[in-house]
């Protein structure tokens, strides 16, 4: 199952993000790693050793030991998937309309309900890595066609694509997307894939 999961949700293997919750209850993601306080850069900031994404990390995510995110934009600005993010109250109708366009164009797509249950991701998986710019153009065309079929309703719940860049920012990782099927949200019917 871990092998299948990694084949679908492929991103960078040299780094991943881990979800944290602060004392104030706010949550976020940070690259998983360890700071070396004895080895600092020229500004006095400690250097960080990043942890790679391994089968054990994926298993721990699926088992509920932590929640991780993957950075979909590879070093060569390619990606293995595109995910469209839908939020707000009309997310189900908008995601369904997006899926209808995908079906009409014979583009296989899968809908995941987000970890909160208040949104969803439509995932498009590729057989091989493709340029992120090309993947995002495909998503934009599907989005445009979907909006043209529903001009009176619009797609207000659409938020963004993952990856949301065509090229890797200098010194950065690009955006991340939380991986699905993490145990705690899954136990509440969230972070799971939905059928029609």
Protein backbone atom coordinates (compact mmCIF):
# COMPACT_ATOMS: atom_id res chain seq x y z
CA UNK A 1 0.00 0.00 0.00
CA UNK A 2 2.88 2.35 0.76
CA UNK A 3 4.39 1.61 -2.66
CA UNK A 4 1.08 2.35 -4.41
CA UNK A 5 0.65 5.53 -2.36
CA UNK A 6 4.14 6.73 -3.30
CA UNK A 7 3.55 5.99 -6.99
CA UNK A 8 0.48 8.24 -7.02
CA UNK A 9 1.50 11.10 -4.71
CA UNK A 10 4.98 11.64 -6.09
CA UNK A 11 6.85 14.80 -5.30
CA UNK A 12 10.29 15.60 -4.03
CA UNK A 13 11.91 12.71 -2.16
CA UNK A 14 14.68 14.80 -0.59
CA UNK A 15 12.32 16.84 1.60
CA UNK A 16 8.78 16.71 2.98
CA UNK A 17 6.70 18.87 5.29
CA UNK A 18 5.25 17.92 8.64
CA UNK A 19 2.11 19.45 10.20
CA UNK A 20 2.41 21.16 13.57
CA UNK A 21 -0.06 22.76 15.97
CA UNK A 22 1.09 25.72 18.04
CA UNK A 23 0.21 26.55 21.63
CA UNK A 24 -2.41 29.00 20.34
CA UNK A 25 -4.09 26.21 18.37
CA UNK A 26 -2.98 27.46 14.96
CA UNK A 27 -1.65 24.81 12.61
CA UNK A 28 0.89 24.91 9.80
CA UNK A 29 3.52 22.91 7.95
CA UNK A 30 7.31 23.12 8.07
CA UNK A 31 10.01 21.20 6.23
CA UNK A 32 10.96 18.17 8.31
CA UNK A 33 14.52 18.42 9.50
CA UNK A 34 16.89 19.18 12.31
CA UNK A 35 18.65 22.45 13.04
CA UNK A 36 22.36 22.39 13.81
CA UNK A 37 22.95 25.19 16.32
CA UNK A 38 26.72 24.65 16.14
CA UNK A 39 26.82 25.25 12.37
CA UNK A 40 25.43 28.67 11.43
CA UNK A 41 25.41 30.64 8.21
CA UNK A 42 26.94 34.11 7.79
CA UNK A 43 23.83 35.71 9.35
CA UNK A 44 24.08 33.54 12.47
CA UNK A 45 21.10 31.40 11.47
CA UNK A 46 21.53 27.68 12.27
CA UNK A 47 21.79 25.42 9.25
CA UNK A 48 19.13 22.79 8.82
CA UNK A 49 19.51 19.18 7.74
CA UNK A 50 16.35 18.15 5.89
CA UNK A 51 14.90 14.68 6.27
CA UNK A 52 14.12 12.66 3.11
CA UNK A 53 10.71 11.17 2.37
CA UNK A 54 10.91 7.42 3.10
CA UNK A 55 8.51 4.48 3.20
CA UNK A 56 8.57 4.70 7.01
CA UNK A 57 7.48 8.36 6.91
CA UNK A 58 4.59 7.48 4.56
CA UNK A 59 3.53 4.55 6.76
CA UNK A 60 3.56 6.79 9.85
CA UNK A 61 1.35 9.30 7.99
CA UNK A 62 -1.16 6.62 7.02
CA UNK A 63 -1.07 5.15 10.56
CA UNK A 64 -1.79 8.56 12.14
CA UNK A 65 1.55 9.20 13.84
CA UNK A 66 1.92 12.52 11.99
CA UNK A 67 0.51 14.40 8.99
CA UNK A 68 2.82 15.18 6.13
CA UNK A 69 2.78 17.22 2.96
CA UNK A 70 4.68 16.75 -0.25
CA UNK A 71 6.36 19.37 -2.43
CA UNK A 72 5.06 18.51 -5.93
CA UNK A 73 7.43 20.72 -7.93
CA UNK A 74 10.61 18.77 -8.70
CA UNK A 75 14.10 20.28 -9.14
CA UNK A 76 13.68 20.19 -12.93
CA UNK A 77 10.29 22.00 -12.70
CA UNK A 78 8.38 18.84 -13.56
CA UNK A 79 5.52 17.27 -11.58
CA UNK A 80 3.73 13.93 -11.36
CA UNK A 81 0.26 15.28 -10.52
CA UNK A 82 -1.92 18.36 -10.52
CA UNK A 83 -4.47 18.97 -7.78
CA UNK A 84 -7.21 21.60 -7.94
CA UNK A 85 -8.22 22.95 -4.53
CA UNK A 86 -11.88 23.81 -3.84
CA UNK A 87 -13.03 25.48 -0.61
CA UNK A 88 -16.06 27.42 0.69
CA UNK A 89 -19.67 26.29 0.84
CA UNK A 90 -20.13 25.44 -2.85
CA UNK A 91 -17.03 23.25 -3.09
CA UNK A 92 -18.96 20.05 -3.76
CA UNK A 93 -20.92 21.46 -6.71
CA UNK A 94 -17.86 23.19 -8.17
CA UNK A 95 -15.65 20.13 -7.81
CA UNK A 96 -18.38 17.98 -9.40
CA UNK A 97 -18.59 20.40 -12.35
CA UNK A 98 -14.78 20.27 -12.73
CA UNK A 99 -14.95 16.46 -12.67
CA UNK A 100 -17.67 16.51 -15.34
CA UNK A 101 -15.37 18.49 -17.63
CA UNK A 102 -12.54 16.05 -16.90
CA UNK A 103 -14.82 13.14 -17.85
CA UNK A 104 -15.89 14.86 -21.08
CA UNK A 105 -12.22 15.33 -22.02
CA UNK A 106 -11.29 11.76 -20.96
CA UNK A 107 -8.96 13.10 -18.26
CA UNK A 108 -9.05 10.66 -15.32
CA UNK A 109 -9.56 12.53 -12.05
CA UNK A 110 -10.24 11.65 -8.42
CA UNK A 111 -11.95 13.77 -5.74
CA UNK A 112 -10.61 13.82 -2.20
CA UNK A 113 -12.55 15.45 0.65
CA UNK A 114 -10.08 17.61 2.58
CA UNK A 115 -8.96 16.88 6.13
CA UNK A 116 -11.39 19.49 7.50
CA UNK A 117 -14.32 18.17 5.46
CA UNK A 118 -14.98 21.74 4.25
CA UNK A 119 -13.33 21.45 0.86
CA UNK A 120 -11.84 19.08 -1.64
CA UNK A 121 -8.98 18.38 -4.02
CA UNK A 122 -9.43 17.05 -7.54
CA UNK A 123 -6.30 15.06 -8.35
CA UNK A 124 -4.99 14.44 -11.87
CA UNK A 125 -2.18 11.86 -11.97
CA UNK A 126 0.28 11.61 -14.86
CA UNK A 127 1.97 8.46 -16.22
CA UNK A 128 5.26 10.36 -16.34
CA UNK A 129 6.56 13.62 -14.96
CA UNK A 130 5.40 16.60 -17.04
CA UNK A 131 6.43 20.26 -17.00
CA UNK A 132 4.56 22.01 -14.19
CA UNK A 133 3.62 24.83 -16.56
CA UNK A 134 1.99 22.34 -18.93
CA UNK A 135 0.10 20.63 -16.08
CA UNK A 136 -1.17 23.99 -14.84
CA UNK A 137 -2.25 24.97 -18.39
CA UNK A 138 -4.27 21.75 -18.58
CA UNK A 139 -5.90 22.60 -15.25
CA UNK A 140 -6.62 26.17 -16.39
CA UNK A 141 -8.26 24.91 -19.61
CA UNK A 142 -10.45 22.50 -17.65
CA UNK A 143 -11.35 25.30 -15.24
CA UNK A 144 -12.17 27.72 -18.08
CA UNK A 145 -14.32 25.15 -19.88
CA UNK A 146 -16.13 24.37 -16.62
CA UNK A 147 -16.86 28.07 -16.00
CA UNK A 148 -18.11 28.52 -19.58
CA UNK A 149 -20.61 25.71 -19.04
CA UNK A 150 -21.82 27.37 -15.82
CA UNK A 151 -21.56 31.16 -16.40
CA UNK A 152 -24.45 31.96 -14.06
CA UNK A 153 -22.91 30.09 -11.14
CA UNK A 154 -19.16 30.58 -11.49
CA UNK A 155 -16.55 28.67 -9.51
CA UNK A 156 -16.15 30.78 -6.38
CA UNK A 157 -14.88 27.85 -4.36
CA UNK A 158 -11.84 27.27 -6.61
CA UNK A 159 -8.75 28.34 -4.67
CA UNK A 160 -5.57 27.22 -6.50
CA UNK A 161 -3.62 24.45 -8.17
CA UNK A 162 -0.88 22.30 -6.68
CA UNK A 163 1.80 22.93 -7.75
CA UNK A 164 0.94 26.61 -7.86
CA UNK A 165 4.18 27.64 -9.59
CA UNK A 166 5.60 26.85 -13.00
CA UNK A 167 9.17 27.17 -11.75
CA UNK A 168 10.98 26.59 -8.50
CA UNK A 169 11.60 29.73 -6.44
CA UNK A 170 15.27 30.41 -5.77
CA UNK A 171 16.28 28.78 -2.50
CA UNK A 172 12.75 27.46 -1.93
CA UNK A 173 10.71 24.30 -2.34
CA UNK A 174 7.56 25.70 -3.90
CA UNK A 175 4.21 25.11 -2.27
CA UNK A 176 3.22 21.90 -0.57
CA UNK A 177 0.04 19.90 -0.48
CA UNK A 178 -1.04 17.82 2.51
CA UNK A 179 -1.18 14.16 1.60
CA UNK A 180 -4.52 12.37 1.89
CA UNK A 181 -5.61 9.30 3.84
CA UNK A 182 -4.09 10.34 7.17
CA UNK A 183 -5.67 8.27 9.93
CA UNK A 184 -7.32 10.81 12.26
CA UNK A 185 -9.27 12.73 9.57
CA UNK A 186 -9.96 9.43 7.78
CA UNK A 187 -11.67 8.13 10.93
CA UNK A 188 -14.13 11.05 10.55
CA UNK A 189 -14.76 10.48 6.83
CA UNK A 190 -12.31 13.18 5.72
CA UNK A 191 -9.05 13.06 3.74
CA UNK A 192 -10.62 10.22 1.74
CA UNK A 193 -11.55 9.76 -1.92
CA UNK A 194 -15.19 10.03 -2.93
CA UNK A 195 -17.20 8.29 -5.62
CA UNK A 196 -20.06 9.80 -7.60
